[in-house]
PDB file of all heavy atoms in Angstrom:
ATOM      1  N   PRO A   1       0.815  -1.229   0.000  1.00  0.00           N
ATOM      2  CA  PRO A   1       0.000   0.000   0.000  1.00  0.00           C
ATOM      3  C   PRO A   1       0.843   1.271   0.000  1.00  0.00           C
ATOM      4  O   PRO A   1       0.533   2.228  -0.720  1.00  0.00           O
ATOM      5  CB  PRO A   1      -0.840  -0.140   1.270  1.00  0.00           C
ATOM      6  CG  PRO A   1      -0.957  -1.619   1.475  1.00  0.00           C
ATOM      7  CD  PRO A   1       0.377  -2.167   1.050  1.00  0.00           C
ATOM      8  N   ALA A   2       1.914   1.299   0.798  1.00  0.00           N
ATOM      9  CA  ALA A   2       2.766   2.499   0.845  1.00  0.00           C
ATOM     10  C   ALA A   2       3.474   2.700  -0.483  1.00  0.00           C
ATOM     11  O   ALA A   2       3.593   3.832  -0.978  1.00  0.00           O
ATOM     12  CB  ALA A   2       3.776   2.382   1.977  1.00  0.00           C
ATOM     13  N   LEU A   3       3.957   1.621  -1.083  1.00  0.00           N
ATOM     14  CA  LEU A   3       4.646   1.733  -2.369  1.00  0.00           C
ATOM     15  C   LEU A   3       3.678   2.192  -3.452  1.00  0.00           C
ATOM     16  O   LEU A   3       4.003   3.084  -4.251  1.00  0.00           O
ATOM     17  CB  LEU A   3       5.265   0.393  -2.747  1.00  0.00           C
ATOM     18  CG  LEU A   3       5.997   0.338  -4.085  1.00  0.00           C
ATOM     19  CD1 LEU A   3       7.187   1.286  -4.099  1.00  0.00           C
ATOM     20  CD2 LEU A   3       6.461  -1.088  -4.386  1.00  0.00           C
ATOM     21  N   ASN A   4       2.489   1.616  -3.483  1.00  0.00           N
ATOM     22  CA  ASN A   4       1.513   2.002  -4.505  1.00  0.00           C
ATOM     23  C   ASN A   4       1.001   3.422  -4.298  1.00  0.00           C
ATOM     24  O   ASN A   4       0.660   4.109  -5.263  1.00  0.00           O
ATOM     25  CB  ASN A   4       0.354   1.009  -4.534  1.00  0.00           C
ATOM     26  CG  ASN A   4       0.674  -0.222  -5.359  1.00  0.00           C
ATOM     27  OD1 ASN A   4       1.534  -0.190  -6.235  1.00  0.00           O
ATOM     28  ND2 ASN A   4      -0.013  -1.319  -5.074  1.00  0.00           N
ATOM     29  N   GLU A   5       0.949   3.861  -3.055  1.00  0.00           N
ATOM     30  CA  GLU A   5       0.583   5.249  -2.804  1.00  0.00           C
ATOM     31  C   GLU A   5       1.600   6.183  -3.451  1.00  0.00           C
ATOM     32  O   GLU A   5       1.242   7.201  -4.065  1.00  0.00           O
ATOM     33  CB  GLU A   5       0.508   5.519  -1.301  1.00  0.00           C
ATOM     34  CG  GLU A   5       0.150   6.965  -0.954  1.00  0.00           C
ATOM     35  CD  GLU A   5       0.181   7.241   0.536  1.00  0.00           C
ATOM     36  OE1 GLU A   5       0.392   6.297   1.320  1.00  0.00           O
ATOM     37  OE2 GLU A   5       0.006   8.423   0.918  1.00  0.00           O
ATOM     38  N   ALA A   6       2.900   5.831  -3.316  1.00  0.00           N
ATOM     39  CA  ALA A   6       3.940   6.638  -3.958  1.00  0.00           C
ATOM     40  C   ALA A   6       3.804   6.585  -5.472  1.00  0.00           C
ATOM     41  O   ALA A   6       3.930   7.606  -6.164  1.00  0.00           O
ATOM     42  CB  ALA A   6       5.316   6.146  -3.524  1.00  0.00           C
ATOM     43  N   ARG A   7       3.544   5.419  -6.014  1.00  0.00           N
ATOM     44  CA  ARG A   7       3.431   5.271  -7.468  1.00  0.00           C
ATOM     45  C   ARG A   7       2.250   6.073  -8.023  1.00  0.00           C
ATOM     46  O   ARG A   7       2.401   6.810  -9.010  1.00  0.00           O
ATOM     47  CB  ARG A   7       3.284   3.785  -7.829  1.00  0.00           C
ATOM     48  CG  ARG A   7       4.555   2.986  -7.622  1.00  0.00           C
ATOM     49  CD  ARG A   7       4.349   1.522  -7.981  1.00  0.00           C
ATOM     50  NE  ARG A   7       3.947   1.385  -9.394  1.00  0.00           N
ATOM     51  CZ  ARG A   7       4.779   1.377 -10.419  1.00  0.00           C
ATOM     52  NH1 ARG A   7       6.089   1.490 -10.213  1.00  0.00           N
ATOM     53  NH2 ARG A   7       4.335   1.244 -11.662  1.00  0.00           N
ATOM     54  N   THR A   8       1.096   5.940  -7.428  1.00  0.00           N
ATOM     55  CA  THR A   8      -0.075   6.667  -7.948  1.00  0.00           C
ATOM     56  C   THR A   8       0.101   8.170  -7.762  1.00  0.00           C
ATOM     57  O   THR A   8      -0.383   8.955  -8.588  1.00  0.00           O
ATOM     58  CB  THR A   8      -1.357   6.188  -7.255  1.00  0.00           C
ATOM     59  OG1 THR A   8      -1.227   6.331  -5.833  1.00  0.00           O
ATOM     60  CG2 THR A   8      -1.631   4.731  -7.578  1.00  0.00           C
ATOM     61  N   ARG A   9       0.796   8.568  -6.728  1.00  0.00           N
ATOM     62  CA  ARG A   9       1.037   9.994  -6.493  1.00  0.00           C
ATOM     63  C   ARG A   9       1.828  10.613  -7.638  1.00  0.00           C
ATOM     64  O   ARG A   9       1.641  11.794  -7.972  1.00  0.00           O
ATOM     65  CB  ARG A   9       1.788  10.157  -5.174  1.00  0.00           C
ATOM     66  CG  ARG A   9       2.067  11.593  -4.772  1.00  0.00           C
ATOM     67  CD  ARG A   9       2.697  11.606  -3.394  1.00  0.00           C
ATOM     68  NE  ARG A   9       3.012  12.957  -2.969  1.00  0.00           N
ATOM     69  CZ  ARG A   9       3.608  13.266  -1.821  1.00  0.00           C
ATOM     70  NH1 ARG A   9       3.925  12.289  -0.992  1.00  0.00           N
ATOM     71  NH2 ARG A   9       3.874  14.507  -1.512  1.00  0.00           N
ATOM     72  N   PHE A  10       2.685   9.807  -8.261  1.00  0.00           N
ATOM     73  CA  PHE A  10       3.519  10.318  -9.343  1.00  0.00           C
ATOM     74  C   PHE A  10       3.127   9.761 -10.705  1.00  0.00           C
ATOM     75  O   PHE A  10       3.946   9.691 -11.615  1.00  0.00           O
ATOM     76  CB  PHE A  10       4.991  10.038  -9.031  1.00  0.00           C
ATOM     77  CG  PHE A  10       5.439  10.683  -7.750  1.00  0.00           C
ATOM     78  CD1 PHE A  10       5.779   9.920  -6.645  1.00  0.00           C
ATOM     79  CD2 PHE A  10       5.481  12.070  -7.631  1.00  0.00           C
ATOM     80  CE1 PHE A  10       6.173  10.517  -5.463  1.00  0.00           C
ATOM     81  CE2 PHE A  10       5.869  12.670  -6.451  1.00  0.00           C
ATOM     82  CZ  PHE A  10       6.208  11.899  -5.355  1.00  0.00           C
ATOM     83  N   GLY A  11       1.868   9.369 -10.820  1.00  0.00           N
ATOM     84  CA  GLY A  11       1.318   9.033 -12.123  1.00  0.00           C
ATOM     85  C   GLY A  11       1.629   7.648 -12.636  1.00  0.00           C
ATOM     86  O   GLY A  11       1.513   7.396 -13.840  1.00  0.00           O
ATOM     87  N   LEU A  12       2.005   6.729 -11.762  1.00  0.00           N
ATOM     88  CA  LEU A  12       2.320   5.371 -12.174  1.00  0.00           C
ATOM     89  C   LEU A  12       1.222   4.412 -11.741  1.00  0.00           C
ATOM     90  O   LEU A  12       0.575   4.609 -10.706  1.00  0.00           O
ATOM     91  CB  LEU A  12       3.652   4.918 -11.551  1.00  0.00           C
ATOM     92  CG  LEU A  12       4.882   5.749 -11.906  1.00  0.00           C
ATOM     93  CD1 LEU A  12       6.087   5.284 -11.090  1.00  0.00           C
ATOM     94  CD2 LEU A  12       5.190   5.666 -13.393  1.00  0.00           C
ATOM     95  N   ALA A  13       1.021   3.368 -12.521  1.00  0.00           N
ATOM     96  CA  ALA A  13       0.009   2.369 -12.194  1.00  0.00           C
ATOM     97  C   ALA A  13       0.431   1.571 -10.966  1.00  0.00           C
ATOM     98  O   ALA A  13       1.623   1.309 -10.766  1.00  0.00           O
ATOM     99  CB  ALA A  13      -0.206   1.436 -13.381  1.00  0.00           C
ATOM    100  N   PRO A  14      -0.507   1.166 -10.131  1.00  0.00           N
ATOM    101  CA  PRO A  14      -0.155   0.358  -8.960  1.00  0.00           C
ATOM    102  C   PRO A  14       0.358  -1.021  -9.373  1.00  0.00           C
ATOM    103  O   PRO A  14       0.068  -1.513 -10.463  1.00  0.00           O
ATOM    104  CB  PRO A  14      -1.472   0.247  -8.186  1.00  0.00           C
ATOM    105  CG  PRO A  14      -2.536   0.492  -9.205  1.00  0.00           C
ATOM    106  CD  PRO A  14      -1.957   1.452 -10.194  1.00  0.00           C
ATOM    107  N   LEU A  15       1.144  -1.615  -8.480  1.00  0.00           N
ATOM    108  CA  LEU A  15       1.701  -2.952  -8.705  1.00  0.00           C
ATOM    109  C   LEU A  15       0.905  -3.977  -7.912  1.00  0.00           C
ATOM    110  O   LEU A  15       0.265  -3.659  -6.906  1.00  0.00           O
ATOM    111  CB  LEU A  15       3.161  -2.987  -8.266  1.00  0.00           C
ATOM    112  CG  LEU A  15       4.133  -2.048  -8.980  1.00  0.00           C
ATOM    113  CD1 LEU A  15       5.507  -2.109  -8.311  1.00  0.00           C
ATOM    114  CD2 LEU A  15       4.237  -2.394 -10.451  1.00  0.00           C
ATOM    115  N   SER A  16       0.999  -5.227  -8.330  1.00  0.00           N
ATOM    116  CA  SER A  16       0.365  -6.308  -7.583  1.00  0.00           C
ATOM    117  C   SER A  16       1.352  -7.007  -6.663  1.00  0.00           C
ATOM    118  O   SER A  16       0.947  -7.751  -5.769  1.00  0.00           O
ATOM    119  CB  SER A  16      -0.263  -7.326  -8.542  1.00  0.00           C
ATOM    120  OG  SER A  16       0.731  -7.858  -9.407  1.00  0.00           O
ATOM    121  N   ARG A  17       2.659  -6.786  -6.869  1.00  0.00           N
ATOM    122  CA  ARG A  17       3.713  -7.357  -6.037  1.00  0.00           C
ATOM    123  C   ARG A  17       4.762  -6.286  -5.764  1.00  0.00           C
ATOM    124  O   ARG A  17       5.176  -5.569  -6.677  1.00  0.00           O
ATOM    125  CB  ARG A  17       4.410  -8.533  -6.719  1.00  0.00           C
ATOM    126  CG  ARG A  17       3.560  -9.729  -7.009  1.00  0.00           C
ATOM    127  CD  ARG A  17       4.316 -10.751  -7.855  1.00  0.00           C
ATOM    128  NE  ARG A  17       5.506 -11.292  -7.192  1.00  0.00           N
ATOM    129  CZ  ARG A  17       6.758 -11.037  -7.573  1.00  0.00           C
ATOM    130  NH1 ARG A  17       7.009 -10.230  -8.601  1.00  0.00           N
ATOM    131  NH2 ARG A  17       7.772 -11.581  -6.937  1.00  0.00           N
ATOM    132  N   THR A  18       5.198  -6.176  -4.533  1.00  0.00           N
ATOM    133  CA  THR A  18       6.216  -5.179  -4.199  1.00  0.00           C
ATOM    134  C   THR A  18       7.498  -5.397  -4.994  1.00  0.00           C
ATOM    135  O   THR A  18       8.099  -4.441  -5.506  1.00  0.00           O
ATOM    136  CB  THR A  18       6.524  -5.235  -2.690  1.00  0.00           C
ATOM    137  OG1 THR A  18       5.353  -4.871  -1.962  1.00  0.00           O
ATOM    138  CG2 THR A  18       7.661  -4.292  -2.327  1.00  0.00           C
ATOM    139  N   LEU A  19       7.936  -6.657  -5.116  1.00  0.00           N
ATOM    140  CA  LEU A  19       9.209  -6.919  -5.767  1.00  0.00           C
ATOM    141  C   LEU A  19       9.161  -6.678  -7.274  1.00  0.00           C
ATOM    142  O   LEU A  19      10.216  -6.673  -7.917  1.00  0.00           O
ATOM    143  CB  LEU A  19       9.677  -8.348  -5.464  1.00  0.00           C
ATOM    144  CG  LEU A  19      10.131  -8.570  -4.017  1.00  0.00           C
ATOM    145  CD1 LEU A  19      10.516 -10.023  -3.788  1.00  0.00           C
ATOM    146  CD2 LEU A  19      11.287  -7.653  -3.649  1.00  0.00           C
ATOM    147  N   ASP A  20       7.972  -6.456  -7.842  1.00  0.00           N
ATOM    148  CA  ASP A  20       7.920  -6.058  -9.254  1.00  0.00           C
ATOM    149  C   ASP A  20       8.548  -4.681  -9.464  1.00  0.00           C
ATOM    150  O   ASP A  20       8.941  -4.346 -10.586  1.00  0.00           O
ATOM    151  CB  ASP A  20       6.473  -6.037  -9.752  1.00  0.00           C
ATOM    152  CG  ASP A  20       5.930  -7.432  -9.996  1.00  0.00           C
ATOM    153  OD1 ASP A  20       6.740  -8.376 -10.080  1.00  0.00           O
ATOM    154  OD2 ASP A  20       4.694  -7.583 -10.087  1.00  0.00           O
ATOM    155  N   GLN A  21       8.660  -3.889  -8.393  1.00  0.00           N
ATOM    156  CA  GLN A  21       9.319  -2.584  -8.504  1.00  0.00           C
ATOM    157  C   GLN A  21      10.818  -2.744  -8.691  1.00  0.00           C
ATOM    158  O   GLN A  21      11.481  -1.879  -9.269  1.00  0.00           O
ATOM    159  CB  GLN A  21       9.054  -1.749  -7.247  1.00  0.00           C
ATOM    160  CG  GLN A  21       9.596  -0.334  -7.275  1.00  0.00           C
ATOM    161  CD  GLN A  21       8.914   0.529  -8.311  1.00  0.00           C
ATOM    162  OE1 GLN A  21       7.772   0.913  -8.141  1.00  0.00           O
ATOM    163  NE2 GLN A  21       9.614   0.851  -9.403  1.00  0.00           N
ATOM    164  N   LEU A  22      11.356  -3.862  -8.223  1.00  0.00           N
ATOM    165  CA  LEU A  22      12.803  -4.077  -8.270  1.00  0.00           C
ATOM    166  C   LEU A  22      13.172  -4.691  -9.626  1.00  0.00           C
ATOM    167  O   LEU A  22      13.698  -5.804  -9.691  1.00  0.00           O
ATOM    168  CB  LEU A  22      13.228  -4.994  -7.124  1.00  0.00           C
ATOM    169  CG  LEU A  22      14.520  -4.646  -6.382  1.00  0.00           C
ATOM    170  CD1 LEU A  22      14.712  -5.534  -5.165  1.00  0.00           C
ATOM    171  CD2 LEU A  22      15.737  -4.724  -7.281  1.00  0.00           C
ATOM    172  N   ARG A  23      12.889  -3.953 -10.686  1.00  0.00           N
ATOM    173  CA  ARG A  23      13.225  -4.373 -12.042  1.00  0.00           C
ATOM    174  C   ARG A  23      13.831  -3.191 -12.793  1.00  0.00           C
ATOM    175  O   ARG A  23      13.229  -2.610 -13.676  1.00  0.00           O
ATOM    176  CB  ARG A  23      11.977  -4.878 -12.784  1.00  0.00           C
ATOM    177  CG  ARG A  23      11.422  -6.199 -12.280  1.00  0.00           C
ATOM    178  CD  ARG A  23      12.395  -7.344 -12.538  1.00  0.00           C
ATOM    179  NE  ARG A  23      11.803  -8.650 -12.207  1.00  0.00           N
ATOM    180  CZ  ARG A  23      11.802  -9.192 -10.995  1.00  0.00           C
ATOM    181  NH1 ARG A  23      12.364  -8.530  -9.997  1.00  0.00           N
ATOM    182  NH2 ARG A  23      11.265 -10.367 -10.782  1.00  0.00           N
ATOM    183  N   PRO A  24      15.045  -2.795 -12.394  1.00  0.00           N
ATOM    184  CA  PRO A  24      15.689  -1.645 -13.029  1.00  0.00           C
ATOM    185  C   PRO A  24      16.246  -2.029 -14.397  1.00  0.00           C
ATOM    186  O   PRO A  24      16.190  -3.186 -14.818  1.00  0.00           O
ATOM    187  CB  PRO A  24      16.814  -1.307 -12.060  1.00  0.00           C
ATOM    188  CG  PRO A  24      17.203  -2.657 -11.518  1.00  0.00           C
ATOM    189  CD  PRO A  24      15.922  -3.438 -11.408  1.00  0.00           C
ATOM    190  N   ASP A  25      16.824  -1.045 -15.087  1.00  0.00           N
ATOM    191  CA  ASP A  25      17.552  -1.364 -16.320  1.00  0.00           C
ATOM    192  C   ASP A  25      18.771  -2.222 -16.021  1.00  0.00           C
ATOM    193  O   ASP A  25      19.131  -3.105 -16.802  1.00  0.00           O
ATOM    194  CB  ASP A  25      17.983  -0.076 -17.025  1.00  0.00           C
ATOM    195  CG  ASP A  25      16.798   0.747 -17.470  1.00  0.00           C
ATOM    196  OD1 ASP A  25      16.069   0.301 -18.372  1.00  0.00           O
ATOM    197  OD2 ASP A  25      16.582   1.823 -16.886  1.00  0.00           O
ATOM    198  N   ARG A  26      19.429  -1.944 -14.894  1.00  0.00           N
ATOM    199  CA  ARG A  26      20.574  -2.734 -14.462  1.00  0.00           C
ATOM    200  C   ARG A  26      20.555  -2.871 -12.948  1.00  0.00           C
ATOM    201  O   ARG A  26      20.379  -1.873 -12.230  1.00  0.00           O
ATOM    202  CB  ARG A  26      21.910  -2.092 -14.868  1.00  0.00           C
ATOM    203  CG  ARG A  26      22.174  -2.027 -16.344  1.00  0.00           C
ATOM    204  CD  ARG A  26      22.475  -3.387 -16.945  1.00  0.00           C
ATOM    205  NE  ARG A  26      22.861  -3.252 -18.343  1.00  0.00           N
ATOM    206  CZ  ARG A  26      21.991  -3.208 -19.354  1.00  0.00           C
ATOM    207  NH1 ARG A  26      20.684  -3.269 -19.108  1.00  0.00           N
ATOM    208  NH2 ARG A  26      22.428  -3.093 -20.593  1.00  0.00           N
ATOM    209  N   LEU A  27      20.745  -4.097 -12.476  1.00  0.00           N
ATOM    210  CA  LEU A  27      21.006  -4.354 -11.069  1.00  0.00           C
ATOM    211  C   LEU A  27      22.446  -4.841 -10.995  1.00  0.00           C
ATOM    212  O   LEU A  27      22.770  -5.934 -11.466  1.00  0.00           O
ATOM    213  CB  LEU A  27      20.049  -5.407 -10.512  1.00  0.00           C
ATOM    214  CG  LEU A  27      20.296  -5.858  -9.072  1.00  0.00           C
ATOM    215  CD1 LEU A  27      20.221  -4.682  -8.099  1.00  0.00           C
ATOM    216  CD2 LEU A  27      19.302  -6.950  -8.664  1.00  0.00           C
ATOM    217  N   LEU A  28      23.315  -3.999 -10.451  1.00  0.00           N
ATOM    218  CA  LEU A  28      24.758  -4.259 -10.460  1.00  0.00           C
ATOM    219  C   LEU A  28      25.186  -4.787  -9.096  1.00  0.00           C
ATOM    220  O   LEU A  28      25.115  -4.061  -8.086  1.00  0.00           O
ATOM    221  CB  LEU A  28      25.517  -2.986 -10.829  1.00  0.00           C
ATOM    222  CG  LEU A  28      25.111  -2.388 -12.183  1.00  0.00           C
ATOM    223  CD1 LEU A  28      25.864  -1.094 -12.446  1.00  0.00           C
ATOM    224  CD2 LEU A  28      25.349  -3.390 -13.312  1.00  0.00           C
ATOM    225  N   LEU A  29      25.600  -6.032  -9.063  1.00  0.00           N
ATOM    226  CA  LEU A  29      25.960  -6.707  -7.823  1.00  0.00           C
ATOM    227  C   LEU A  29      27.438  -6.496  -7.528  1.00  0.00           C
ATOM    228  O   LEU A  29      28.301  -7.021  -8.240  1.00  0.00           O
ATOM    229  CB  LEU A  29      25.668  -8.201  -7.931  1.00  0.00           C
ATOM    230  CG  LEU A  29      24.239  -8.606  -8.325  1.00  0.00           C
ATOM    231  CD1 LEU A  29      24.131 -10.129  -8.420  1.00  0.00           C
ATOM    232  CD2 LEU A  29      23.218  -8.042  -7.349  1.00  0.00           C
ATOM    233  N   ALA A  30      27.721  -5.738  -6.482  1.00  0.00           N
ATOM    234  CA  ALA A  30      29.110  -5.459  -6.115  1.00  0.00           C
ATOM    235  C   ALA A  30      29.634  -6.575  -5.214  1.00  0.00           C
ATOM    236  O   ALA A  30      30.061  -6.359  -4.076  1.00  0.00           O
ATOM    237  CB  ALA A  30      29.222  -4.105  -5.432  1.00  0.00           C
ATOM    238  N   THR A  31      29.570  -7.775  -5.748  1.00  0.00           N
ATOM    239  CA  THR A  31      30.103  -8.938  -5.062  1.00  0.00           C
ATOM    240  C   THR A  31      30.820  -9.795  -6.081  1.00  0.00           C
ATOM    241  O   THR A  31      30.784  -9.521  -7.291  1.00  0.00           O
ATOM    242  CB  THR A  31      29.001  -9.731  -4.348  1.00  0.00           C
ATOM    243  OG1 THR A  31      29.611 -10.704  -3.478  1.00  0.00           O
ATOM    244  CG2 THR A  31      28.076 -10.440  -5.322  1.00  0.00           C
ATOM    245  N   SER A  32      31.437 -10.857  -5.606  1.00  0.00           N
ATOM    246  CA  SER A  32      32.189 -11.750  -6.482  1.00  0.00           C
ATOM    247  C   SER A  32      31.329 -12.943  -6.881  1.00  0.00           C
ATOM    248  O   SER A  32      30.762 -13.611  -6.010  1.00  0.00           O
ATOM    249  CB  SER A  32      33.436 -12.257  -5.751  1.00  0.00           C
ATOM    250  OG  SER A  32      33.926 -13.447  -6.330  1.00  0.00           O
ATOM    251  N   PRO A  33      31.227 -13.243  -8.178  1.00  0.00           N
ATOM    252  CA  PRO A  33      30.499 -14.449  -8.575  1.00  0.00           C
ATOM    253  C   PRO A  33      31.156 -15.718  -8.044  1.00  0.00           C
ATOM    254  O   PRO A  33      30.480 -16.723  -7.822  1.00  0.00           O
ATOM    255  CB  PRO A  33      30.521 -14.401 -10.112  1.00  0.00           C
ATOM    256  CG  PRO A  33      31.626 -13.464 -10.462  1.00  0.00           C
ATOM    257  CD  PRO A  33      31.710 -12.480  -9.338  1.00  0.00           C
ATOM    258  N   SER A  34      32.457 -15.679  -7.820  1.00  0.00           N
ATOM    259  CA  SER A  34      33.129 -16.846  -7.245  1.00  0.00           C
ATOM    260  C   SER A  34      32.754 -17.047  -5.777  1.00  0.00           C
ATOM    261  O   SER A  34      32.700 -18.177  -5.285  1.00  0.00           O
ATOM    262  CB  SER A  34      34.651 -16.698  -7.359  1.00  0.00           C
ATOM    263  OG  SER A  34      35.057 -16.630  -8.709  1.00  0.00           O
ATOM    264  N   PHE A  35      32.481 -15.959  -5.063  1.00  0.00           N
ATOM    265  CA  PHE A  35      32.042 -16.030  -3.673  1.00  0.00           C
ATOM    266  C   PHE A  35      30.576 -16.426  -3.585  1.00  0.00           C
ATOM    267  O   PHE A  35      30.157 -17.127  -2.663  1.00  0.00           O
ATOM    268  CB  PHE A  35      32.280 -14.684  -2.989  1.00  0.00           C
ATOM    269  CG  PHE A  35      31.597 -14.532  -1.653  1.00  0.00           C
ATOM    270  CD1 PHE A  35      32.048 -15.251  -0.557  1.00  0.00           C
ATOM    271  CD2 PHE A  35      30.524 -13.673  -1.490  1.00  0.00           C
ATOM    272  CE1 PHE A  35      31.420 -15.120   0.687  1.00  0.00           C
ATOM    273  CE2 PHE A  35      29.901 -13.525  -0.260  1.00  0.00           C
ATOM    274  CZ  PHE A  35      30.351 -14.249   0.836  1.00  0.00           C
TER     275      PHE A  35
END
């Protein structure tokens, strides 16, 4: 609800899942793939 309130406030459609927001152009992992 809090996330969708922010989205609708700025003209974006609400989401059905919070983690659907975590879909950027790039998610850059500052870790080692070997680790």
